[in-house]
Amino acid sequence: MWGRLTDWAEQDERYTLDGERLGPHDMKELLMAAFKREVRLAPNLDGTGIIHLSRHTSGLTKDGMNQFLEFIAAEGTKRGIIFRDTPPNRL
């Protein structure tokens, strides 16, 4: 998973925050929200903003994790991401 997330973060220039590319951990958050098709927000402690409450991959079953990895591969391939851990003819 981390190899694919790193590949995506390094290759996709569309995802930046304040001019800085998102890293692999950020990509995991973005992709888990898309995979689960949900966004959970809560006010921060001092009430001046909001935070994203993410779902963790550790909560996925083995089948769920396999589906998440397939989701990463399919979505990345649609966007031109080349994954180093997968031969090009396998996707």
N, C-alpha and C. Protein backbone atom coordinates (compact mmCIF):
# COMPACT_ATOMS: atom_id res chain seq x y z
N MET A 1 0.82 -1.19 0.00
CA MET A 1 0.00 0.00 0.00
C MET A 1 0.87 1.26 0.00
N TRP A 2 1.88 1.29 0.87
CA TRP A 2 2.68 2.51 0.99
C TRP A 2 3.47 2.81 -0.27
N GLY A 3 3.91 1.77 -0.98
CA GLY A 3 4.60 1.99 -2.24
C GLY A 3 3.69 2.66 -3.26
N ARG A 4 2.46 2.18 -3.34
CA ARG A 4 1.50 2.76 -4.29
C ARG A 4 1.15 4.20 -3.90
N LEU A 5 0.96 4.44 -2.61
CA LEU A 5 0.64 5.79 -2.16
C LEU A 5 1.81 6.75 -2.42
N THR A 6 3.03 6.26 -2.24
CA THR A 6 4.22 7.08 -2.52
C THR A 6 4.30 7.38 -4.00
N ASP A 7 4.10 6.36 -4.85
CA ASP A 7 4.12 6.58 -6.30
C ASP A 7 3.11 7.66 -6.68
N TRP A 8 1.91 7.56 -6.14
CA TRP A 8 0.86 8.52 -6.47
C TRP A 8 1.27 9.93 -6.02
N ALA A 9 1.72 10.04 -4.78
CA ALA A 9 2.10 11.36 -4.24
C ALA A 9 3.22 11.99 -5.06
N GLU A 10 4.16 11.18 -5.53
CA GLU A 10 5.29 11.71 -6.30
C GLU A 10 4.90 12.11 -7.72
N GLN A 11 3.89 11.46 -8.29
CA GLN A 11 3.57 11.68 -9.70
C GLN A 11 2.41 12.64 -9.95
N ASP A 12 1.49 12.79 -9.02
CA ASP A 12 0.29 13.57 -9.27
C ASP A 12 0.45 14.98 -8.71
N GLU A 13 0.64 15.94 -9.59
CA GLU A 13 0.87 17.31 -9.18
C GLU A 13 -0.42 18.07 -8.87
N ARG A 14 -1.57 17.43 -9.10
CA ARG A 14 -2.85 18.11 -8.86
C ARG A 14 -3.15 18.26 -7.37
N TYR A 15 -2.57 17.42 -6.55
CA TYR A 15 -2.89 17.45 -5.12
C TYR A 15 -1.80 18.17 -4.35
N THR A 16 -2.06 19.44 -4.08
CA THR A 16 -1.13 20.25 -3.31
C THR A 16 -1.91 20.99 -2.22
N LEU A 17 -1.21 21.35 -1.20
CA LEU A 17 -1.77 22.14 -0.11
C LEU A 17 -0.78 23.24 0.19
N ASP A 18 -1.20 24.47 0.02
CA ASP A 18 -0.32 25.63 0.21
C ASP A 18 0.96 25.51 -0.62
N GLY A 19 0.81 25.03 -1.86
CA GLY A 19 1.94 24.91 -2.77
C GLY A 19 2.83 23.69 -2.55
N GLU A 20 2.51 22.88 -1.57
CA GLU A 20 3.31 21.69 -1.27
C GLU A 20 2.51 20.44 -1.65
N ARG A 21 3.18 19.52 -2.33
CA ARG A 21 2.51 18.28 -2.71
C ARG A 21 2.10 17.48 -1.49
N LEU A 22 0.98 16.80 -1.63
CA LEU A 22 0.55 15.90 -0.56
C LEU A 22 1.49 14.70 -0.50
N GLY A 23 1.77 14.22 0.68
CA GLY A 23 2.62 13.05 0.86
C GLY A 23 1.79 11.77 0.88
N PRO A 24 2.45 10.63 1.04
CA PRO A 24 1.75 9.35 1.05
C PRO A 24 0.67 9.24 2.12
N HIS A 25 0.91 9.77 3.31
CA HIS A 25 -0.10 9.71 4.38
C HIS A 25 -1.33 10.53 3.99
N ASP A 26 -1.09 11.70 3.39
CA ASP A 26 -2.21 12.53 2.93
C ASP A 26 -2.99 11.82 1.82
N MET A 27 -2.28 11.16 0.92
CA MET A 27 -2.94 10.44 -0.16
C MET A 27 -3.79 9.31 0.40
N LYS A 28 -3.31 8.66 1.46
CA LYS A 28 -4.10 7.59 2.09
C LYS A 28 -5.41 8.16 2.63
N GLU A 29 -5.35 9.32 3.27
CA GLU A 29 -6.56 9.96 3.78
C GLU A 29 -7.52 10.28 2.64
N LEU A 30 -7.00 10.86 1.58
CA LEU A 30 -7.82 11.23 0.44
C LEU A 30 -8.47 10.01 -0.21
N LEU A 31 -7.70 8.96 -0.38
CA LEU A 31 -8.21 7.76 -1.04
C LEU A 31 -9.14 6.96 -0.15
N MET A 32 -8.88 6.91 1.15
CA MET A 32 -9.80 6.21 2.05
C MET A 32 -11.16 6.91 2.08
N ALA A 33 -11.17 8.25 2.05
CA ALA A 33 -12.44 8.98 2.02
C ALA A 33 -13.20 8.67 0.74
N ALA A 34 -12.48 8.57 -0.37
CA ALA A 34 -13.13 8.24 -1.65
C ALA A 34 -13.58 6.78 -1.66
N PHE A 35 -12.77 5.89 -1.12
CA PHE A 35 -13.09 4.46 -1.09
C PHE A 35 -14.33 4.20 -0.23
N LYS A 36 -14.37 4.82 0.93
CA LYS A 36 -15.50 4.64 1.85
C LYS A 36 -16.68 5.53 1.47
N ARG A 37 -16.45 6.46 0.55
CA ARG A 37 -17.47 7.41 0.07
C ARG A 37 -18.10 8.17 1.24
N GLU A 38 -17.23 8.67 2.10
CA GLU A 38 -17.73 9.45 3.22
C GLU A 38 -16.69 10.47 3.66
N VAL A 39 -17.17 11.54 4.21
CA VAL A 39 -16.32 12.55 4.81
C VAL A 39 -16.92 12.84 6.18
N ARG A 40 -16.10 12.71 7.19
CA ARG A 40 -16.56 12.99 8.56
C ARG A 40 -15.79 14.19 9.08
N LEU A 41 -16.52 15.22 9.46
CA LEU A 41 -15.91 16.45 9.95
C LEU A 41 -16.40 16.73 11.36
N ALA A 42 -15.55 17.39 12.14
CA ALA A 42 -15.91 17.79 13.50
C ALA A 42 -15.26 19.13 13.80
N PRO A 43 -15.85 19.93 14.69
CA PRO A 43 -15.19 21.18 15.06
C PRO A 43 -13.92 20.89 15.85
N ASN A 44 -12.90 21.74 15.65
CA ASN A 44 -11.69 21.55 16.45
C ASN A 44 -11.96 21.99 17.89
N LEU A 45 -11.00 21.74 18.75
CA LEU A 45 -11.23 21.94 20.19
C LEU A 45 -11.57 23.37 20.57
N ASP A 46 -10.97 24.36 19.90
CA ASP A 46 -11.27 25.74 20.29
C ASP A 46 -12.36 26.38 19.44
N GLY A 47 -12.98 25.59 18.55
CA GLY A 47 -14.10 26.08 17.77
C GLY A 47 -13.77 27.03 16.65
N THR A 48 -12.49 27.12 16.29
CA THR A 48 -12.08 28.06 15.24
C THR A 48 -11.99 27.42 13.85
N GLY A 49 -12.24 26.14 13.75
CA GLY A 49 -12.15 25.46 12.47
C GLY A 49 -12.72 24.06 12.56
N ILE A 50 -12.48 23.30 11.53
CA ILE A 50 -12.96 21.92 11.50
C ILE A 50 -11.80 20.98 11.20
N ILE A 51 -11.97 19.74 11.60
CA ILE A 51 -10.98 18.71 11.31
C ILE A 51 -11.69 17.54 10.62
N HIS A 52 -10.91 16.78 9.89
CA HIS A 52 -11.41 15.59 9.22
C HIS A 52 -11.14 14.39 10.11
N LEU A 53 -12.17 13.61 10.37
CA LEU A 53 -12.03 12.38 11.15
C LEU A 53 -11.95 11.23 10.15
N SER A 54 -10.80 10.65 10.03
CA SER A 54 -10.60 9.65 8.99
C SER A 54 -10.88 8.24 9.48
N ARG A 55 -11.17 7.38 8.53
CA ARG A 55 -11.25 5.95 8.78
C ARG A 55 -9.85 5.41 8.58
N HIS A 56 -9.49 4.42 9.35
CA HIS A 56 -8.14 3.87 9.26
C HIS A 56 -8.15 2.54 8.52
N THR A 57 -7.08 2.30 7.77
CA THR A 57 -6.98 1.04 7.06
C THR A 57 -6.87 -0.13 8.02
N SER A 58 -6.43 0.11 9.24
CA SER A 58 -6.34 -0.98 10.22
C SER A 58 -7.71 -1.55 10.56
N GLY A 59 -8.76 -0.78 10.29
CA GLY A 59 -10.11 -1.25 10.55
C GLY A 59 -10.70 -2.07 9.41
N LEU A 60 -9.97 -2.18 8.31
CA LEU A 60 -10.45 -2.96 7.17
C LEU A 60 -10.21 -4.45 7.39
N THR A 61 -11.10 -5.26 6.90
CA THR A 61 -10.87 -6.70 6.88
C THR A 61 -9.82 -7.00 5.81
N LYS A 62 -9.37 -8.25 5.75
CA LYS A 62 -8.41 -8.64 4.71
C LYS A 62 -9.02 -8.40 3.33
N ASP A 63 -10.29 -8.76 3.17
CA ASP A 63 -10.97 -8.54 1.89
C ASP A 63 -11.11 -7.04 1.62
N GLY A 64 -11.44 -6.29 2.66
CA GLY A 64 -11.56 -4.84 2.51
C GLY A 64 -10.25 -4.19 2.10
N MET A 65 -9.15 -4.66 2.67
CA MET A 65 -7.84 -4.13 2.31
C MET A 65 -7.51 -4.46 0.85
N ASN A 66 -7.81 -5.69 0.44
CA ASN A 66 -7.59 -6.05 -0.97
C ASN A 66 -8.42 -5.16 -1.88
N GLN A 67 -9.65 -4.88 -1.49
CA GLN A 67 -10.50 -4.00 -2.29
C GLN A 67 -9.93 -2.58 -2.33
N PHE A 68 -9.39 -2.12 -1.21
CA PHE A 68 -8.79 -0.79 -1.16
C PHE A 68 -7.57 -0.73 -2.08
N LEU A 69 -6.73 -1.75 -2.06
CA LEU A 69 -5.56 -1.78 -2.94
C LEU A 69 -5.98 -1.79 -4.41
N GLU A 70 -7.02 -2.53 -4.73
CA GLU A 70 -7.54 -2.53 -6.10
C GLU A 70 -8.10 -1.16 -6.47
N PHE A 71 -8.75 -0.53 -5.52
CA PHE A 71 -9.29 0.82 -5.73
C PHE A 71 -8.15 1.80 -6.03
N ILE A 72 -7.08 1.75 -5.24
CA ILE A 72 -5.93 2.63 -5.48
C ILE A 72 -5.39 2.40 -6.88
N ALA A 73 -5.21 1.14 -7.26
CA ALA A 73 -4.67 0.81 -8.59
C ALA A 73 -5.58 1.31 -9.70
N ALA A 74 -6.87 1.07 -9.58
CA ALA A 74 -7.81 1.47 -10.63
C ALA A 74 -7.88 2.99 -10.76
N GLU A 75 -8.03 3.67 -9.63
CA GLU A 75 -8.13 5.13 -9.67
C GLU A 75 -6.83 5.77 -10.14
N GLY A 76 -5.71 5.23 -9.68
CA GLY A 76 -4.42 5.76 -10.11
C GLY A 76 -4.18 5.57 -11.60
N THR A 77 -4.55 4.39 -12.10
CA THR A 77 -4.37 4.10 -13.52
C THR A 77 -5.20 5.06 -14.36
N LYS A 78 -6.43 5.36 -13.92
CA LYS A 78 -7.28 6.32 -14.63
C LYS A 78 -6.60 7.68 -14.74
N ARG A 79 -5.77 8.00 -13.76
CA ARG A 79 -5.13 9.31 -13.69
C ARG A 79 -3.67 9.29 -14.16
N GLY A 80 -3.25 8.19 -14.76
CA GLY A 80 -1.91 8.12 -15.34
C GLY A 80 -0.79 7.81 -14.37
N ILE A 81 -1.13 7.33 -13.18
CA ILE A 81 -0.09 6.99 -12.20
C ILE A 81 0.52 5.65 -12.60
N ILE A 82 1.83 5.58 -12.56
CA ILE A 82 2.55 4.34 -12.85
C ILE A 82 3.04 3.78 -11.52
N PHE A 83 2.55 2.60 -11.19
CA PHE A 83 2.93 1.97 -9.93
C PHE A 83 4.12 1.06 -10.15
N ARG A 84 5.17 1.29 -9.38
CA ARG A 84 6.40 0.51 -9.54
C ARG A 84 6.25 -0.94 -9.12
N ASP A 85 5.26 -1.25 -8.26
CA ASP A 85 5.13 -2.61 -7.77
C ASP A 85 4.27 -3.50 -8.68
N THR A 86 3.73 -2.93 -9.76
CA THR A 86 2.84 -3.68 -10.64
C THR A 86 3.30 -3.54 -12.07
N PRO A 87 3.57 -4.64 -12.76
CA PRO A 87 3.93 -4.54 -14.17
C PRO A 87 2.82 -3.85 -14.96
N PRO A 88 3.14 -3.00 -15.95
CA PRO A 88 2.14 -2.24 -16.67
C PRO A 88 1.02 -3.09 -17.30
N ASN A 89 1.32 -4.31 -17.72
CA ASN A 89 0.30 -5.13 -18.38
C ASN A 89 -0.65 -5.81 -17.39
N ARG A 90 -0.45 -5.63 -16.09
CA ARG A 90 -1.32 -6.28 -15.09
C ARG A 90 -2.47 -5.40 -14.66
N LEU A 91 -2.44 -4.11 -14.99
CA LEU A 91 -3.53 -3.21 -14.56
C LEU A 91 -4.49 -2.98 -15.68
